[in-house]
Amino acid sequence: MRIIRKRKLNNHRVFLTIAMLLLTLIIIGHSLKPSSLKAYEPITYEPVKIVTVNVNKGDSLWKIAGIYSNNKMDLKVYINIIQQYNNLSNTIIQPGQELEVPIY
């Protein structure tokens, strides 16, 4: 009877020790995480220069972005930036329109 109680007590102590160790590791891990970093924080790009592009018949923002992109960012992100630079609410552009295209 005493042997069974000692084993149960030892098992209980081992469990508590492991649980406390895991809890300590979790607390330490969270305290080492830099608070200045935010999840999904956007990367800020500074353009090297901005070029003016005259839209021709058959052009689209996808085509223009593909020409001036240097693969530093996702094409959808680049198109969004071009839209912001030109105050466009959608991706529709017209022949003869002038667009400012940032080059990165």
Protein backbone atom coordinates (compact mmCIF):
# COMPACT_ATOMS: atom_id res chain seq x y z
CA MET A 1 0.00 0.00 0.00
CA ARG A 2 2.78 2.41 0.89
CA ILE A 3 4.64 1.61 -2.35
CA ILE A 4 1.57 2.50 -4.41
CA ARG A 5 1.16 5.80 -2.55
CA LYS A 6 4.84 6.65 -3.08
CA ARG A 7 4.57 5.92 -6.82
CA LYS A 8 1.45 8.08 -7.11
CA LEU A 9 3.18 10.84 -5.18
CA ASN A 10 6.29 10.57 -7.38
CA ASN A 11 4.18 10.58 -10.56
CA HIS A 12 2.33 13.63 -9.29
CA ARG A 13 5.62 15.42 -8.54
CA VAL A 14 7.01 14.61 -12.00
CA PHE A 15 3.83 15.90 -13.65
CA LEU A 16 3.90 19.13 -11.62
CA THR A 17 7.60 19.64 -12.38
CA ILE A 18 7.06 19.22 -16.12
CA ALA A 19 4.00 21.50 -16.06
CA MET A 20 5.92 24.22 -14.20
CA LEU A 21 8.85 23.91 -16.61
CA LEU A 22 6.56 24.29 -19.63
CA LEU A 23 4.79 27.26 -18.06
CA THR A 24 8.14 28.91 -17.34
CA LEU A 25 9.31 28.38 -20.93
CA ILE A 26 6.07 29.87 -22.29
CA ILE A 27 6.38 32.93 -20.06
CA ILE A 28 10.03 33.44 -21.01
CA GLY A 29 9.20 33.00 -24.72
CA HIS A 30 6.52 35.66 -24.59
CA SER A 31 8.71 38.09 -22.70
CA LEU A 32 11.47 37.81 -25.33
CA LYS A 33 9.08 38.67 -28.17
CA PRO A 34 9.74 42.25 -29.31
CA SER A 35 6.69 44.35 -28.61
CA SER A 36 7.52 46.81 -31.38
CA LEU A 37 6.84 44.21 -34.09
CA LYS A 38 3.25 43.81 -35.16
CA ALA A 39 1.85 40.84 -37.00
CA TYR A 40 1.48 41.51 -40.72
CA GLU A 41 3.10 44.92 -40.48
CA PRO A 42 3.36 46.23 -44.04
CA ILE A 43 6.79 46.75 -45.51
CA THR A 44 7.40 50.35 -46.53
CA TYR A 45 9.10 50.87 -49.85
CA GLU A 46 10.65 54.15 -50.97
CA PRO A 47 10.62 54.63 -54.75
CA VAL A 48 13.93 55.25 -56.49
CA LYS A 49 12.15 57.50 -58.99
CA ILE A 50 8.71 58.19 -60.43
CA VAL A 51 8.11 58.03 -64.18
CA THR A 52 5.18 59.39 -66.15
CA VAL A 53 3.57 56.81 -68.41
CA ASN A 54 1.13 57.63 -71.24
CA VAL A 55 -1.56 54.97 -71.44
CA ASN A 56 -1.92 53.44 -74.91
CA LYS A 57 -4.81 51.47 -76.37
CA GLY A 58 -4.78 47.96 -74.90
CA ASP A 59 -2.80 48.96 -71.81
CA SER A 60 -3.91 47.89 -68.35
CA LEU A 61 -2.54 48.46 -64.88
CA TRP A 62 -1.45 44.80 -64.88
CA LYS A 63 0.53 45.32 -68.10
CA ILE A 64 2.10 48.60 -66.91
CA ALA A 65 2.92 47.13 -63.50
CA GLY A 66 4.49 44.11 -65.21
CA ILE A 67 6.70 46.37 -67.33
CA TYR A 68 7.93 48.58 -64.49
CA SER A 69 8.03 46.01 -61.70
CA ASN A 70 11.40 44.59 -60.76
CA ASN A 71 9.94 41.70 -58.75
CA LYS A 72 10.66 43.31 -55.37
CA MET A 73 6.99 43.08 -54.41
CA ASP A 74 3.82 41.26 -55.33
CA LEU A 75 2.24 42.59 -58.54
CA LYS A 76 -1.12 43.16 -56.81
CA VAL A 77 0.61 45.32 -54.19
CA TYR A 78 2.42 47.25 -56.93
CA ILE A 79 -0.85 47.89 -58.79
CA ASN A 80 -2.41 49.13 -55.56
CA ILE A 81 0.50 51.55 -55.10
CA ILE A 82 0.10 52.85 -58.67
CA GLN A 83 -3.61 53.36 -57.98
CA GLN A 84 -2.80 55.32 -54.81
CA TYR A 85 -0.24 57.52 -56.58
CA ASN A 86 -2.83 58.39 -59.23
CA ASN A 87 -5.93 58.60 -57.00
CA LEU A 88 -7.62 55.78 -58.92
CA SER A 89 -10.59 54.13 -57.23
CA ASN A 90 -10.42 51.12 -59.58
CA THR A 91 -8.10 49.59 -62.18
CA ILE A 92 -9.82 51.10 -65.23
CA ILE A 93 -7.52 53.33 -67.28
CA GLN A 94 -8.08 55.10 -70.62
CA PRO A 95 -5.82 55.68 -73.64
CA GLY A 96 -4.20 59.11 -73.41
CA GLN A 97 -4.27 59.10 -69.63
CA GLU A 98 -1.00 59.93 -67.87
CA LEU A 99 0.01 57.82 -64.87
CA GLU A 100 2.75 58.39 -62.36
CA VAL A 101 4.48 55.05 -61.79
CA PRO A 102 6.92 54.71 -58.90
CA ILE A 103 10.02 52.65 -59.63
CA TYR A 104 11.47 50.59 -56.78
